[in-house]
């Protein structure tokens, strides 16, 4: 263990660094990051997010592109909406989806990876 490493935990079972960790990473931030990681952990949701980074799509077009049921698509869109990566706006009978600024930031981050 390196003493100046702020995220290393002592291996003796003590919680002497827990207050420092809480100050660096508040519980709400950890919960938010966990929710975001869950949203991005599914390939369909990642594909939807990356698709919407290019332009706005009607929910019917998204369904047709991914060839999935309405209920399954609705589930994935809800997860992405709930964590603030996409937003929808009604236009008559269709809901158009687009990425939010945070969603675009995530897409740019993935675009910068060297696969």
Protein backbone atom coordinates (compact mmCIF):
# COMPACT_ATOMS: atom_id res chain seq x y z
CA UNK A 1 0.00 0.00 0.00
CA UNK A 2 1.25 3.48 -0.87
CA UNK A 3 0.54 6.03 1.85
CA UNK A 4 0.05 8.99 -0.49
CA UNK A 5 -2.42 7.14 -2.74
CA UNK A 6 -5.80 8.65 -1.74
CA UNK A 7 -7.90 5.74 -2.99
CA UNK A 8 -5.84 2.87 -1.59
CA UNK A 9 -7.53 1.16 1.29
CA UNK A 10 -5.61 -0.32 4.18
CA UNK A 11 -5.70 -4.09 4.02
CA UNK A 12 -5.96 -4.57 7.78
CA UNK A 13 -9.74 -4.17 7.83
CA UNK A 14 -9.68 -0.71 9.37
CA UNK A 15 -11.62 2.17 7.90
CA UNK A 16 -9.12 4.92 8.63
CA UNK A 17 -9.34 6.30 5.10
CA UNK A 18 -13.10 6.09 4.70
CA UNK A 19 -13.67 9.76 5.69
CA UNK A 20 -11.11 10.90 3.09
CA UNK A 21 -12.76 8.75 0.45
CA UNK A 22 -16.17 10.15 1.34
CA UNK A 23 -14.84 13.67 0.94
CA UNK A 24 -13.34 12.87 -2.47
CA UNK A 25 -16.27 10.82 -3.73
CA UNK A 26 -19.56 11.72 -2.04
CA UNK A 27 -22.10 8.91 -1.83
CA UNK A 28 -24.39 10.70 -4.28
CA UNK A 29 -21.58 10.85 -6.83
CA UNK A 30 -20.87 7.14 -6.40
CA UNK A 31 -24.56 6.31 -6.83
CA UNK A 32 -24.78 8.52 -9.93
CA UNK A 33 -21.68 6.92 -11.46
CA UNK A 34 -23.07 3.46 -10.72
CA UNK A 35 -26.37 4.32 -12.42
CA UNK A 36 -24.52 5.71 -15.43
CA UNK A 37 -22.32 2.61 -15.69
CA UNK A 38 -25.42 0.41 -15.54
CA UNK A 39 -27.04 2.42 -18.35
CA UNK A 40 -23.93 2.05 -20.49
CA UNK A 41 -23.42 -1.63 -19.71
CA UNK A 42 -25.94 -2.87 -22.27
CA UNK A 43 -24.89 -3.01 -25.95
CA UNK A 44 -28.35 -2.00 -27.19
CA UNK A 45 -28.36 1.10 -24.98
CA UNK A 46 -24.85 2.00 -26.12
CA UNK A 47 -25.89 1.64 -29.76
CA UNK A 48 -29.00 3.78 -29.18
CA UNK A 49 -26.93 6.47 -27.49
CA UNK A 50 -24.34 6.50 -30.27
CA UNK A 51 -27.08 6.52 -32.92
CA UNK A 52 -28.76 9.53 -31.32
CA UNK A 53 -25.44 11.38 -31.20
CA UNK A 54 -25.67 11.75 -34.98
CA UNK A 55 -29.20 13.19 -35.10
CA UNK A 56 -32.70 13.04 -33.64
CA UNK A 57 -34.72 9.90 -34.32
CA UNK A 58 -38.40 9.08 -33.93
CA UNK A 59 -39.05 6.19 -31.57
CA UNK A 60 -40.55 4.19 -34.46
CA UNK A 61 -37.36 4.59 -36.51
CA UNK A 62 -35.24 3.45 -33.57
CA UNK A 63 -37.46 0.41 -33.10
CA UNK A 64 -37.18 -0.49 -36.79
CA UNK A 65 -33.41 -0.01 -36.86
CA UNK A 66 -32.88 -2.30 -33.89
CA UNK A 67 -35.72 -4.71 -34.73
CA UNK A 68 -36.85 -4.98 -31.12
CA UNK A 69 -40.27 -4.92 -29.52
CA UNK A 70 -41.90 -1.70 -28.35
CA UNK A 71 -41.73 -2.80 -24.72
CA UNK A 72 -38.03 -3.69 -24.88
CA UNK A 73 -37.19 -0.41 -26.61
CA UNK A 74 -39.25 1.52 -24.09
CA UNK A 75 -37.31 -0.14 -21.27
CA UNK A 76 -33.93 0.83 -22.77
CA UNK A 77 -35.03 4.39 -23.55
CA UNK A 78 -36.30 4.84 -20.00
CA UNK A 79 -32.95 3.84 -18.53
CA UNK A 80 -31.11 6.26 -20.83
CA UNK A 81 -33.62 9.05 -20.06
CA UNK A 82 -33.57 8.47 -16.31
CA UNK A 83 -29.82 8.95 -16.13
CA UNK A 84 -29.96 12.06 -18.31
CA UNK A 85 -28.22 10.78 -21.44
CA UNK A 86 -31.16 11.26 -23.82
CA UNK A 87 -34.36 13.28 -23.92
CA UNK A 88 -37.58 12.90 -25.82
CA UNK A 89 -40.00 15.44 -27.22
CA UNK A 90 -43.45 14.70 -28.58
CA UNK A 91 -44.25 15.61 -32.17
CA UNK A 92 -47.81 14.54 -32.85
CA UNK A 93 -47.95 10.77 -32.50
CA UNK A 94 -44.19 10.33 -32.43
CA UNK A 95 -41.64 10.93 -29.70
CA UNK A 96 -38.34 12.18 -31.07
CA UNK A 97 -35.23 11.29 -29.09
CA UNK A 98 -31.90 13.08 -28.99
CA UNK A 99 -28.82 13.00 -26.81
CA UNK A 100 -28.43 15.53 -24.04
CA UNK A 101 -25.19 17.48 -23.60
CA UNK A 102 -24.11 14.85 -21.06
CA UNK A 103 -24.96 12.09 -23.54
CA UNK A 104 -22.87 13.83 -26.20
CA UNK A 105 -19.98 14.08 -23.75
CA UNK A 106 -20.16 10.31 -23.17
CA UNK A 107 -20.23 9.69 -26.94
CA UNK A 108 -17.18 11.92 -27.45
CA UNK A 109 -15.39 10.07 -24.66
CA UNK A 110 -16.04 6.72 -26.33
CA UNK A 111 -15.01 8.17 -29.67
CA UNK A 112 -11.62 9.09 -28.23
CA UNK A 113 -10.83 5.52 -27.13
CA UNK A 114 -8.41 3.54 -29.22
CA UNK A 115 -10.12 0.24 -29.83
